[in-house]
Amino acid sequence: MGHTQNILADKISKEMGLSKQTGRKFLQKVLKTVSDDIVYTGHMELNGIGTFSITERSSQTINHPETGQPIIVPPKKILTFRSSSLIRRRLNPPKPKKTKKKK
């Protein structure tokens, strides 16, 4: 199960010997700084975690599911994430190679 900001803030507080309120403020400041950087630069790389980047979707024409009428979906920006190779290796550790038995 994932962690909420409060759980992460509590973990930070315990690790750093801070009060819970200070830990929450610290985490909120870090998350705000990361999100501001993504919004203003369009890119954020966190070593060992991955890379966040903004891509643009072009406008699309789709059909309304009930009426079948065409609907134009305007272009929009979306946030994408590409995990680092370190995280991918931790999620999918290499399987040990089978060795041949000698007779």
PDB file of N, CA and C in Angstrom:
ATOM      1  N   MET A   1       0.829  -1.166   0.000  1.00  0.00           N
ATOM      2  CA  MET A   1       0.000   0.000   0.000  1.00  0.00           C
ATOM      3  C   MET A   1       0.882   1.241   0.000  1.00  0.00           C
ATOM      4  N   GLY A   2       0.475   2.254  -0.732  1.00  0.00           N
ATOM      5  CA  GLY A   2       1.231   3.494  -0.818  1.00  0.00           C
ATOM      6  C   GLY A   2       1.189   4.286   0.476  1.00  0.00           C
ATOM      7  N   HIS A   3       2.002   5.280   0.532  1.00  0.00           N
ATOM      8  CA  HIS A   3       2.068   6.128   1.707  1.00  0.00           C
ATOM      9  C   HIS A   3       1.407   7.467   1.415  1.00  0.00           C
ATOM     10  N   THR A   4       0.761   8.004   2.424  1.00  0.00           N
ATOM     11  CA  THR A   4       0.219   9.344   2.315  1.00  0.00           C
ATOM     12  C   THR A   4       1.314  10.334   2.707  1.00  0.00           C
ATOM     13  N   GLN A   5       1.069  11.605   2.433  1.00  0.00           N
ATOM     14  CA  GLN A   5       2.046  12.621   2.820  1.00  0.00           C
ATOM     15  C   GLN A   5       2.264  12.621   4.327  1.00  0.00           C
ATOM     16  N   ASN A   6       1.203  12.386   5.098  1.00  0.00           N
ATOM     17  CA  ASN A   6       1.350  12.377   6.553  1.00  0.00           C
ATOM     18  C   ASN A   6       2.258  11.250   7.021  1.00  0.00           C
ATOM     19  N   ILE A   7       2.106  10.076   6.416  1.00  0.00           N
ATOM     20  CA  ILE A   7       2.953   8.941   6.802  1.00  0.00           C
ATOM     21  C   ILE A   7       4.408   9.231   6.427  1.00  0.00           C
ATOM     22  N   LEU A   8       4.623   9.787   5.215  1.00  0.00           N
ATOM     23  CA  LEU A   8       5.989  10.134   4.817  1.00  0.00           C
ATOM     24  C   LEU A   8       6.570  11.197   5.739  1.00  0.00           C
ATOM     25  N   ALA A   9       5.767  12.196   6.072  1.00  0.00           N
ATOM     26  CA  ALA A   9       6.238  13.257   6.971  1.00  0.00           C
ATOM     27  C   ALA A   9       6.591  12.687   8.341  1.00  0.00           C
ATOM     28  N   ASP A  10       5.800  11.754   8.847  1.00  0.00           N
ATOM     29  CA  ASP A  10       6.097  11.128  10.134  1.00  0.00           C
ATOM     30  C   ASP A  10       7.411  10.342  10.075  1.00  0.00           C
ATOM     31  N   LYS A  11       7.640   9.639   8.970  1.00  0.00           N
ATOM     32  CA  LYS A  11       8.898   8.895   8.812  1.00  0.00           C
ATOM     33  C   LYS A  11      10.087   9.848   8.775  1.00  0.00           C
ATOM     34  N   ILE A  12       9.927  10.956   8.041  1.00  0.00           N
ATOM     35  CA  ILE A  12      11.004  11.956   7.972  1.00  0.00           C
ATOM     36  C   ILE A  12      11.265  12.526   9.360  1.00  0.00           C
ATOM     37  N   SER A  13      10.201  12.827  10.083  1.00  0.00           N
ATOM     38  CA  SER A  13      10.339  13.387  11.434  1.00  0.00           C
ATOM     39  C   SER A  13      11.128  12.455  12.340  1.00  0.00           C
ATOM     40  N   LYS A  14      10.792  11.168  12.317  1.00  0.00           N
ATOM     41  CA  LYS A  14      11.484  10.198  13.161  1.00  0.00           C
ATOM     42  C   LYS A  14      12.940  10.055  12.759  1.00  0.00           C
ATOM     43  N   GLU A  15      13.202   9.958  11.430  1.00  0.00           N
ATOM     44  CA  GLU A  15      14.578   9.781  10.933  1.00  0.00           C
ATOM     45  C   GLU A  15      15.466  10.965  11.275  1.00  0.00           C
ATOM     46  N   MET A  16      14.908  12.185  11.190  1.00  0.00           N
ATOM     47  CA  MET A  16      15.708  13.388  11.386  1.00  0.00           C
ATOM     48  C   MET A  16      15.592  13.962  12.797  1.00  0.00           C
ATOM     49  N   GLY A  17      14.786  13.325  13.656  1.00  0.00           N
ATOM     50  CA  GLY A  17      14.624  13.805  15.015  1.00  0.00           C
ATOM     51  C   GLY A  17      13.903  15.142  15.084  1.00  0.00           C
ATOM     52  N   LEU A  18      12.919  15.328  14.213  1.00  0.00           N
ATOM     53  CA  LEU A  18      12.152  16.573  14.166  1.00  0.00           C
ATOM     54  C   LEU A  18      10.765  16.350  14.749  1.00  0.00           C
ATOM     55  N   SER A  19      10.097  17.443  15.063  1.00  0.00           N
ATOM     56  CA  SER A  19       8.701  17.320  15.476  1.00  0.00           C
ATOM     57  C   SER A  19       7.866  16.949  14.249  1.00  0.00           C
ATOM     58  N   LYS A  20       6.682  16.385  14.492  1.00  0.00           N
ATOM     59  CA  LYS A  20       5.828  15.985  13.371  1.00  0.00           C
ATOM     60  C   LYS A  20       5.445  17.190  12.521  1.00  0.00           C
ATOM     61  N   GLN A  21       5.175  18.315  13.174  1.00  0.00           N
ATOM     62  CA  GLN A  21       4.791  19.521  12.443  1.00  0.00           C
ATOM     63  C   GLN A  21       5.939  20.003  11.555  1.00  0.00           C
ATOM     64  N   THR A  22       7.154  19.979  12.060  1.00  0.00           N
ATOM     65  CA  THR A  22       8.320  20.391  11.276  1.00  0.00           C
ATOM     66  C   THR A  22       8.550  19.420  10.120  1.00  0.00           C
ATOM     67  N   GLY A  23       8.368  18.128  10.376  1.00  0.00           N
ATOM     68  CA  GLY A  23       8.518  17.129   9.316  1.00  0.00           C
ATOM     69  C   GLY A  23       7.509  17.342   8.200  1.00  0.00           C
ATOM     70  N   ARG A  24       6.279  17.679   8.557  1.00  0.00           N
ATOM     71  CA  ARG A  24       5.244  17.942   7.549  1.00  0.00           C
ATOM     72  C   ARG A  24       5.574  19.187   6.734  1.00  0.00           C
ATOM     73  N   LYS A  25       6.020  20.242   7.420  1.00  0.00           N
ATOM     74  CA  LYS A  25       6.391  21.474   6.712  1.00  0.00           C
ATOM     75  C   LYS A  25       7.557  21.216   5.760  1.00  0.00           C
ATOM     76  N   PHE A  26       8.526  20.430   6.227  1.00  0.00           N
ATOM     77  CA  PHE A  26       9.683  20.090   5.393  1.00  0.00           C
ATOM     78  C   PHE A  26       9.243  19.350   4.136  1.00  0.00           C
ATOM     79  N   LEU A  27       8.412  18.314   4.310  1.00  0.00           N
ATOM     80  CA  LEU A  27       7.942  17.537   3.167  1.00  0.00           C
ATOM     81  C   LEU A  27       7.120  18.399   2.216  1.00  0.00           C
ATOM     82  N   GLN A  28       6.247  19.237   2.740  1.00  0.00           N
ATOM     83  CA  GLN A  28       5.442  20.113   1.887  1.00  0.00           C
ATOM     84  C   GLN A  28       6.324  21.064   1.088  1.00  0.00           C
ATOM     85  N   LYS A  29       7.375  21.582   1.702  1.00  0.00           N
ATOM     86  CA  LYS A  29       8.293  22.489   1.000  1.00  0.00           C
ATOM     87  C   LYS A  29       9.033  21.748  -0.115  1.00  0.00           C
ATOM     88  N   VAL A  30       9.481  20.533   0.172  1.00  0.00           N
ATOM     89  CA  VAL A  30      10.171  19.741  -0.851  1.00  0.00           C
ATOM     90  C   VAL A  30       9.239  19.449  -2.025  1.00  0.00           C
ATOM     91  N   LEU A  31       8.008  19.002  -1.738  1.00  0.00           N
ATOM     92  CA  LEU A  31       7.062  18.677  -2.806  1.00  0.00           C
ATOM     93  C   LEU A  31       6.672  19.908  -3.611  1.00  0.00           C
ATOM     94  N   LYS A  32       6.523  21.059  -2.960  1.00  0.00           N
ATOM     95  CA  LYS A  32       6.201  22.289  -3.667  1.00  0.00           C
ATOM     96  C   LYS A  32       7.351  22.704  -4.574  1.00  0.00           C
ATOM     97  N   THR A  33       8.580  22.572  -4.070  1.00  0.00           N
ATOM     98  CA  THR A  33       9.752  22.915  -4.869  1.00  0.00           C
ATOM     99  C   THR A  33       9.851  22.016  -6.100  1.00  0.00           C
ATOM    100  N   VAL A  34       9.626  20.721  -5.921  1.00  0.00           N
ATOM    101  CA  VAL A  34       9.667  19.783  -7.051  1.00  0.00           C
ATOM    102  C   VAL A  34       8.572  20.107  -8.063  1.00  0.00           C
ATOM    103  N   SER A  35       7.345  20.317  -7.583  1.00  0.00           N
ATOM    104  CA  SER A  35       6.243  20.588  -8.519  1.00  0.00           C
ATOM    105  C   SER A  35       6.431  21.926  -9.228  1.00  0.00           C
ATOM    106  N   ASP A  36       6.934  22.954  -8.523  1.00  0.00           N
ATOM    107  CA  ASP A  36       7.201  24.242  -9.169  1.00  0.00           C
ATOM    108  C   ASP A  36       8.254  24.089 -10.268  1.00  0.00           C
ATOM    109  N   ASP A  37       9.296  23.316  -9.978  1.00  0.00           N
ATOM    110  CA  ASP A  37      10.357  23.120 -10.969  1.00  0.00           C
ATOM    111  C   ASP A  37       9.828  22.395 -12.200  1.00  0.00           C
ATOM    112  N   ILE A  38       8.961  21.413 -11.994  1.00  0.00           N
ATOM    113  CA  ILE A  38       8.371  20.697 -13.133  1.00  0.00           C
ATOM    114  C   ILE A  38       7.520  21.645 -13.964  1.00  0.00           C
ATOM    115  N   VAL A  39       6.704  22.457 -13.303  1.00  0.00           N
ATOM    116  CA  VAL A  39       5.815  23.371 -14.019  1.00  0.00           C
ATOM    117  C   VAL A  39       6.608  24.415 -14.792  1.00  0.00           C
ATOM    118  N   TYR A  40       7.634  24.995 -14.174  1.00  0.00           N
ATOM    119  CA  TYR A  40       8.347  26.104 -14.809  1.00  0.00           C
ATOM    120  C   TYR A  40       9.403  25.664 -15.808  1.00  0.00           C
ATOM    121  N   THR A  41      10.039  24.515 -15.582  1.00  0.00           N
ATOM    122  CA  THR A  41      11.081  24.076 -16.511  1.00  0.00           C
ATOM    123  C   THR A  41      10.621  22.952 -17.430  1.00  0.00           C
ATOM    124  N   GLY A  42       9.557  22.245 -17.051  1.00  0.00           N
ATOM    125  CA  GLY A  42       9.056  21.149 -17.861  1.00  0.00           C
ATOM    126  C   GLY A  42       9.806  19.847 -17.659  1.00  0.00           C
ATOM    127  N   HIS A  43      10.706  19.820 -16.661  1.00  0.00           N
ATOM    128  CA  HIS A  43      11.540  18.636 -16.494  1.00  0.00           C
ATOM    129  C   HIS A  43      12.086  18.602 -15.071  1.00  0.00           C
ATOM    130  N   MET A  44      12.161  17.415 -14.470  1.00  0.00           N
ATOM    131  CA  MET A  44      12.763  17.262 -13.151  1.00  0.00           C
ATOM    132  C   MET A  44      13.350  15.871 -13.061  1.00  0.00           C
ATOM    133  N   GLU A  45      14.632  15.812 -12.743  1.00  0.00           N
ATOM    134  CA  GLU A  45      15.295  14.519 -12.606  1.00  0.00           C
ATOM    135  C   GLU A  45      15.683  14.318 -11.149  1.00  0.00           C
ATOM    136  N   LEU A  46      15.242  13.205 -10.578  1.00  0.00           N
ATOM    137  CA  LEU A  46      15.613  12.832  -9.222  1.00  0.00           C
ATOM    138  C   LEU A  46      16.476  11.581  -9.318  1.00  0.00           C
ATOM    139  N   ASN A  47      17.766  11.747  -9.088  1.00  0.00           N
ATOM    140  CA  ASN A  47      18.699  10.623  -9.233  1.00  0.00           C
ATOM    141  C   ASN A  47      18.272   9.464  -8.351  1.00  0.00           C
ATOM    142  N   GLY A  48      18.269   8.277  -8.917  1.00  0.00           N
ATOM    143  CA  GLY A  48      17.889   7.079  -8.191  1.00  0.00           C
ATOM    144  C   GLY A  48      16.391   6.826  -8.188  1.00  0.00           C
ATOM    145  N   ILE A  49      15.592   7.814  -8.587  1.00  0.00           N
ATOM    146  CA  ILE A  49      14.133   7.669  -8.618  1.00  0.00           C
ATOM    147  C   ILE A  49      13.637   7.646 -10.060  1.00  0.00           C
ATOM    148  N   GLY A  50      13.869   8.742 -10.767  1.00  0.00           N
ATOM    149  CA  GLY A  50      13.421   8.816 -12.152  1.00  0.00           C
ATOM    150  C   GLY A  50      13.316  10.239 -12.639  1.00  0.00           C
ATOM    151  N   THR A  51      12.696  10.402 -13.791  1.00  0.00           N
ATOM    152  CA  THR A  51      12.581  11.705 -14.439  1.00  0.00           C
ATOM    153  C   THR A  51      11.117  12.020 -14.706  1.00  0.00           C
ATOM    154  N   PHE A  52      10.706  13.199 -14.278  1.00  0.00           N
ATOM    155  CA  PHE A  52       9.384  13.724 -14.586  1.00  0.00           C
ATOM    156  C   PHE A  52       9.543  14.698 -15.743  1.00  0.00           C
ATOM    157  N   SER A  53       8.650  14.635 -16.705  1.00  0.00           N
ATOM    158  CA  SER A  53       8.690  15.601 -17.794  1.00  0.00           C
ATOM    159  C   SER A  53       7.275  15.876 -18.283  1.00  0.00           C
ATOM    160  N   ILE A  54       7.125  17.034 -18.911  1.00  0.00           N
ATOM    161  CA  ILE A  54       5.836  17.442 -19.436  1.00  0.00           C
ATOM    162  C   ILE A  54       5.838  17.215 -20.941  1.00  0.00           C
ATOM    163  N   THR A  55       4.804  16.549 -21.427  1.00  0.00           N
ATOM    164  CA  THR A  55       4.623  16.379 -22.865  1.00  0.00           C
ATOM    165  C   THR A  55       3.263  16.962 -23.244  1.00  0.00           C
ATOM    166  N   GLU A  56       3.131  17.323 -24.496  1.00  0.00           N
ATOM    167  CA  GLU A  56       1.875  17.910 -24.954  1.00  0.00           C
ATOM    168  C   GLU A  56       1.130  16.920 -25.837  1.00  0.00           C
ATOM    169  N   ARG A  57      -0.140  16.773 -25.563  1.00  0.00           N
ATOM    170  CA  ARG A  57      -1.019  15.973 -26.415  1.00  0.00           C
ATOM    171  C   ARG A  57      -1.688  16.903 -27.398  1.00  0.00           C
ATOM    172  N   SER A  58      -1.699  16.508 -28.651  1.00  0.00           N
ATOM    173  CA  SER A  58      -2.385  17.329 -29.647  1.00  0.00           C
ATOM    174  C   SER A  58      -3.890  17.151 -29.504  1.00  0.00           C
ATOM    175  N   SER A  59      -4.642  18.052 -30.126  1.00  0.00           N
ATOM    176  CA  SER A  59      -6.098  17.936 -30.029  1.00  0.00           C
ATOM    177  C   SER A  59      -6.553  16.674 -30.763  1.00  0.00           C
ATOM    178  N   GLN A  60      -7.643  16.116 -30.290  1.00  0.00           N
ATOM    179  CA  GLN A  60      -8.165  14.878 -30.862  1.00  0.00           C
ATOM    180  C   GLN A  60      -9.661  15.021 -31.096  1.00  0.00           C
ATOM    181  N   THR A  61     -10.155  14.268 -32.051  1.00  0.00           N
ATOM    182  CA  THR A  61     -11.588  14.188 -32.256  1.00  0.00           C
ATOM    183  C   THR A  61     -12.019  12.784 -31.864  1.00  0.00           C
ATOM    184  N   ILE A  62     -12.950  12.724 -30.901  1.00  0.00           N
ATOM    185  CA  ILE A  62     -13.454  11.435 -30.451  1.00  0.00           C
ATOM    186  C   ILE A  62     -14.962  11.413 -30.632  1.00  0.00           C
ATOM    187  N   ASN A  63     -15.549  10.248 -30.571  1.00  0.00           N
ATOM    188  CA  ASN A  63     -16.994  10.119 -30.680  1.00  0.00           C
ATOM    189  C   ASN A  63     -17.598   9.951 -29.293  1.00  0.00           C
ATOM    190  N   HIS A  64     -18.693  10.677 -29.041  1.00  0.00           N
ATOM    191  CA  HIS A  64     -19.408  10.557 -27.777  1.00  0.00           C
ATOM    192  C   HIS A  64     -19.956   9.136 -27.689  1.00  0.00           C
ATOM    193  N   PRO A  65     -19.753   8.433 -26.555  1.00  0.00           N
ATOM    194  CA  PRO A  65     -20.148   7.034 -26.469  1.00  0.00           C
ATOM    195  C   PRO A  65     -21.651   6.783 -26.628  1.00  0.00           C
ATOM    196  N   GLU A  66     -22.495   7.716 -26.189  1.00  0.00           N
ATOM    197  CA  GLU A  66     -23.943   7.497 -26.269  1.00  0.00           C
ATOM    198  C   GLU A  66     -24.542   8.004 -27.577  1.00  0.00           C
ATOM    199  N   THR A  67     -24.159   9.203 -27.969  1.00  0.00           N
ATOM    200  CA  THR A  67     -24.790   9.822 -29.142  1.00  0.00           C
ATOM    201  C   THR A  67     -24.038   9.561 -30.435  1.00  0.00           C
ATOM    202  N   GLY A  68     -22.747   9.258 -30.336  1.00  0.00           N
ATOM    203  CA  GLY A  68     -21.945   9.051 -31.530  1.00  0.00           C
ATOM    204  C   GLY A  68     -21.495  10.356 -32.175  1.00  0.00           C
ATOM    205  N   GLN A  69     -21.850  11.491 -31.572  1.00  0.00           N
ATOM    206  CA  GLN A  69     -21.462  12.794 -32.106  1.00  0.00           C
ATOM    207  C   GLN A  69     -19.966  13.015 -31.892  1.00  0.00           C
ATOM    208  N   PRO A  70     -19.294  13.618 -32.871  1.00  0.00           N
ATOM    209  CA  PRO A  70     -17.867  13.905 -32.679  1.00  0.00           C
ATOM    210  C   PRO A  70     -17.665  15.016 -31.651  1.00  0.00           C
ATOM    211  N   ILE A  71     -16.648  14.844 -30.826  1.00  0.00           N
ATOM    212  CA  ILE A  71     -16.269  15.825 -29.812  1.00  0.00           C
ATOM    213  C   ILE A  71     -14.801  16.150 -30.026  1.00  0.00           C
ATOM    214  N   ILE A  72     -14.487  17.433 -30.002  1.00  0.00           N
ATOM    215  CA  ILE A  72     -13.089  17.844 -30.146  1.00  0.00           C
ATOM    216  C   ILE A  72     -12.501  18.011 -28.748  1.00  0.00           C
ATOM    217  N   VAL A  73     -11.448  17.251 -28.475  1.00  0.00           N
ATOM    218  CA  VAL A  73     -10.736  17.349 -27.209  1.00  0.00           C
ATOM    219  C   VAL A  73      -9.566  18.293 -27.442  1.00  0.00           C
ATOM    220  N   PRO A  74      -9.494  19.403 -26.701  1.00  0.00           N
ATOM    221  CA  PRO A  74      -8.427  20.376 -26.940  1.00  0.00           C
ATOM    222  C   PRO A  74      -7.055  19.823 -26.561  1.00  0.00           C
ATOM    223  N   PRO A  75      -5.992  20.419 -27.097  1.00  0.00           N
ATOM    224  CA  PRO A  75      -4.650  19.967 -26.709  1.00  0.00           C
ATOM    225  C   PRO A  75      -4.419  20.236 -25.225  1.00  0.00           C
ATOM    226  N   LYS A  76      -3.584  19.401 -24.602  1.00  0.00           N
ATOM    227  CA  LYS A  76      -3.286  19.603 -23.190  1.00  0.00           C
ATOM    228  C   LYS A  76      -1.907  19.061 -22.860  1.00  0.00           C
ATOM    229  N   LYS A  77      -1.393  19.544 -21.744  1.00  0.00           N
ATOM    230  CA  LYS A  77      -0.095  19.085 -21.252  1.00  0.00           C
ATOM    231  C   LYS A  77      -0.335  17.985 -20.228  1.00  0.00           C
ATOM    232  N   ILE A  78       0.526  16.963 -20.268  1.00  0.00           N
ATOM    233  CA  ILE A  78       0.427  15.873 -19.302  1.00  0.00           C
ATOM    234  C   ILE A  78       1.811  15.624 -18.689  1.00  0.00           C
ATOM    235  N   LEU A  79       1.804  15.112 -17.488  1.00  0.00           N
ATOM    236  CA  LEU A  79       3.039  14.793 -16.787  1.00  0.00           C
ATOM    237  C   LEU A  79       3.364  13.326 -17.013  1.00  0.00           C
ATOM    238  N   THR A  80       4.588  13.059 -17.441  1.00  0.00           N
ATOM    239  CA  THR A  80       5.028  11.680 -17.630  1.00  0.00           C
ATOM    240  C   THR A  80       6.183  11.398 -16.676  1.00  0.00           C
ATOM    241  N   PHE A  81       6.357  10.128 -16.345  1.00  0.00           N
ATOM    242  CA  PHE A  81       7.417   9.714 -15.441  1.00  0.00           C
ATOM    243  C   PHE A  81       8.127   8.532 -16.039  1.00  0.00           C
ATOM    244  N   ARG A  82       9.446   8.579 -16.014  1.00  0.00           N
ATOM    245  CA  ARG A  82      10.256   7.447 -16.464  1.00  0.00           C
ATOM    246  C   ARG A  82      11.157   7.071 -15.304  1.00  0.00           C
ATOM    247  N   SER A  83      10.989   5.846 -14.809  1.00  0.00           N
ATOM    248  CA  SER A  83      11.753   5.416 -13.644  1.00  0.00           C
ATOM    249  C   SER A  83      13.218   5.201 -14.005  1.00  0.00           C
ATOM    250  N   SER A  84      14.074   5.354 -12.998  1.00  0.00           N
ATOM    251  CA  SER A  84      15.505   5.160 -13.213  1.00  0.00           C
ATOM    252  C   SER A  84      15.810   3.671 -13.332  1.00  0.00           C
ATOM    253  N   SER A  85      16.950   3.374 -13.894  1.00  0.00           N
ATOM    254  CA  SER A  85      17.339   1.965 -14.037  1.00  0.00           C
ATOM    255  C   SER A  85      17.540   1.318 -12.667  1.00  0.00           C
ATOM    256  N   LEU A  86      17.942   2.101 -11.674  1.00  0.00           N
ATOM    257  CA  LEU A  86      18.119   1.583 -10.320  1.00  0.00           C
ATOM    258  C   LEU A  86      16.793   1.082  -9.754  1.00  0.00           C
ATOM    259  N   ILE A  87      15.751   1.861  -9.900  1.00  0.00           N
ATOM    260  CA  ILE A  87      14.423   1.444  -9.422  1.00  0.00           C
ATOM    261  C   ILE A  87      13.934   0.241 -10.206  1.00  0.00           C
ATOM    262  N   ARG A  88      14.120   0.257 -11.523  1.00  0.00           N
ATOM    263  CA  ARG A  88      13.674  -0.881 -12.340  1.00  0.00           C
ATOM    264  C   ARG A  88      14.390  -2.166 -11.934  1.00  0.00           C
ATOM    265  N   ARG A  89      15.679  -2.072 -11.606  1.00  0.00           N
ATOM    266  CA  ARG A  89      16.423  -3.274 -11.164  1.00  0.00           C
ATOM    267  C   ARG A  89      15.921  -3.750  -9.809  1.00  0.00           C
ATOM    268  N   ARG A  90      15.553  -2.810  -8.923  1.00  0.00           N
ATOM    269  CA  ARG A  90      15.026  -3.205  -7.611  1.00  0.00           C
ATOM    270  C   ARG A  90      13.656  -3.853  -7.745  1.00  0.00           C
ATOM    271  N   LEU A  91      12.855  -3.367  -8.684  1.00  0.00           N
ATOM    272  CA  LEU A  91      11.540  -3.957  -8.906  1.00  0.00           C
ATOM    273  C   LEU A  91      11.629  -5.312  -9.591  1.00  0.00           C
ATOM    274  N   ASN A  92      12.571  -5.461 -10.489  1.00  0.00           N
ATOM    275  CA  ASN A  92      12.734  -6.687 -11.278  1.00  0.00           C
ATOM    276  C   ASN A  92      14.171  -7.180 -11.166  1.00  0.00           C
ATOM    277  N   PRO A  93      14.547  -7.751 -10.016  1.00  0.00           N
ATOM    278  CA  PRO A  93      15.938  -8.201  -9.863  1.00  0.00           C
ATOM    279  C   PRO A  93      16.254  -9.300 -10.865  1.00  0.00           C
ATOM    280  N   PRO A  94      17.504  -9.316 -11.337  1.00  0.00           N
ATOM    281  CA  PRO A  94      17.872 -10.360 -12.296  1.00  0.00           C
ATOM    282  C   PRO A  94      17.799 -11.733 -11.643  1.00  0.00           C
ATOM    283  N   LYS A  95      17.332 -12.675 -12.420  1.00  0.00           N
ATOM    284  CA  LYS A  95      17.239 -14.047 -11.904  1.00  0.00           C
ATOM    285  C   LYS A  95      18.636 -14.671 -11.931  1.00  0.00           C
ATOM    286  N   PRO A  96      18.945 -15.479 -10.929  1.00  0.00           N
ATOM    287  CA  PRO A  96      20.262 -16.123 -10.939  1.00  0.00           C
ATOM    288  C   PRO A  96      20.379 -17.073 -12.133  1.00  0.00           C
ATOM    289  N   LYS A  97      21.558 -17.073 -12.716  1.00  0.00           N
ATOM    290  CA  LYS A  97      21.790 -17.939 -13.866  1.00  0.00           C
ATOM    291  C   LYS A  97      21.936 -19.373 -13.399  1.00  0.00           C
ATOM    292  N   LYS A  98      21.341 -20.265 -14.182  1.00  0.00           N
ATOM    293  CA  LYS A  98      21.445 -21.687 -13.865  1.00  0.00           C
ATOM    294  C   LYS A  98      22.808 -22.192 -14.338  1.00  0.00           C
ATOM    295  N   THR A  99      23.473 -22.926 -13.492  1.00  0.00           N
ATOM    296  CA  THR A  99      24.760 -23.482 -13.856  1.00  0.00           C
ATOM    297  C   THR A  99      24.572 -24.943 -14.228  1.00  0.00           C
ATOM    298  N   LYS A 100      25.367 -25.365 -15.174  1.00  0.00           N
ATOM    299  CA  LYS A 100      25.302 -26.754 -15.594  1.00  0.00           C
ATOM    300  C   LYS A 100      26.056 -27.616 -14.606  1.00  0.00           C
ATOM    301  N   LYS A 101      25.458 -28.776 -14.295  1.00  0.00           N
ATOM    302  CA  LYS A 101      26.094 -29.712 -13.375  1.00  0.00           C
ATOM    303  C   LYS A 101      27.143 -30.497 -14.126  1.00  0.00           C
ATOM    304  N   LYS A 102      28.297 -30.655 -13.493  1.00  0.00           N
ATOM    305  CA  LYS A 102      29.368 -31.448 -14.097  1.00  0.00           C
ATOM    306  C   LYS A 102      29.194 -32.884 -13.683  1.00  0.00           C
ATOM    307  N   LYS A 103      29.421 -33.771 -14.647  1.00  0.00           N
ATOM    308  CA  LYS A 103      29.277 -35.205 -14.365  1.00  0.00           C
ATOM    309  C   LYS A 103      30.584 -35.841 -14.054  1.00  0.00           C
TER     310      LYS A 103
END
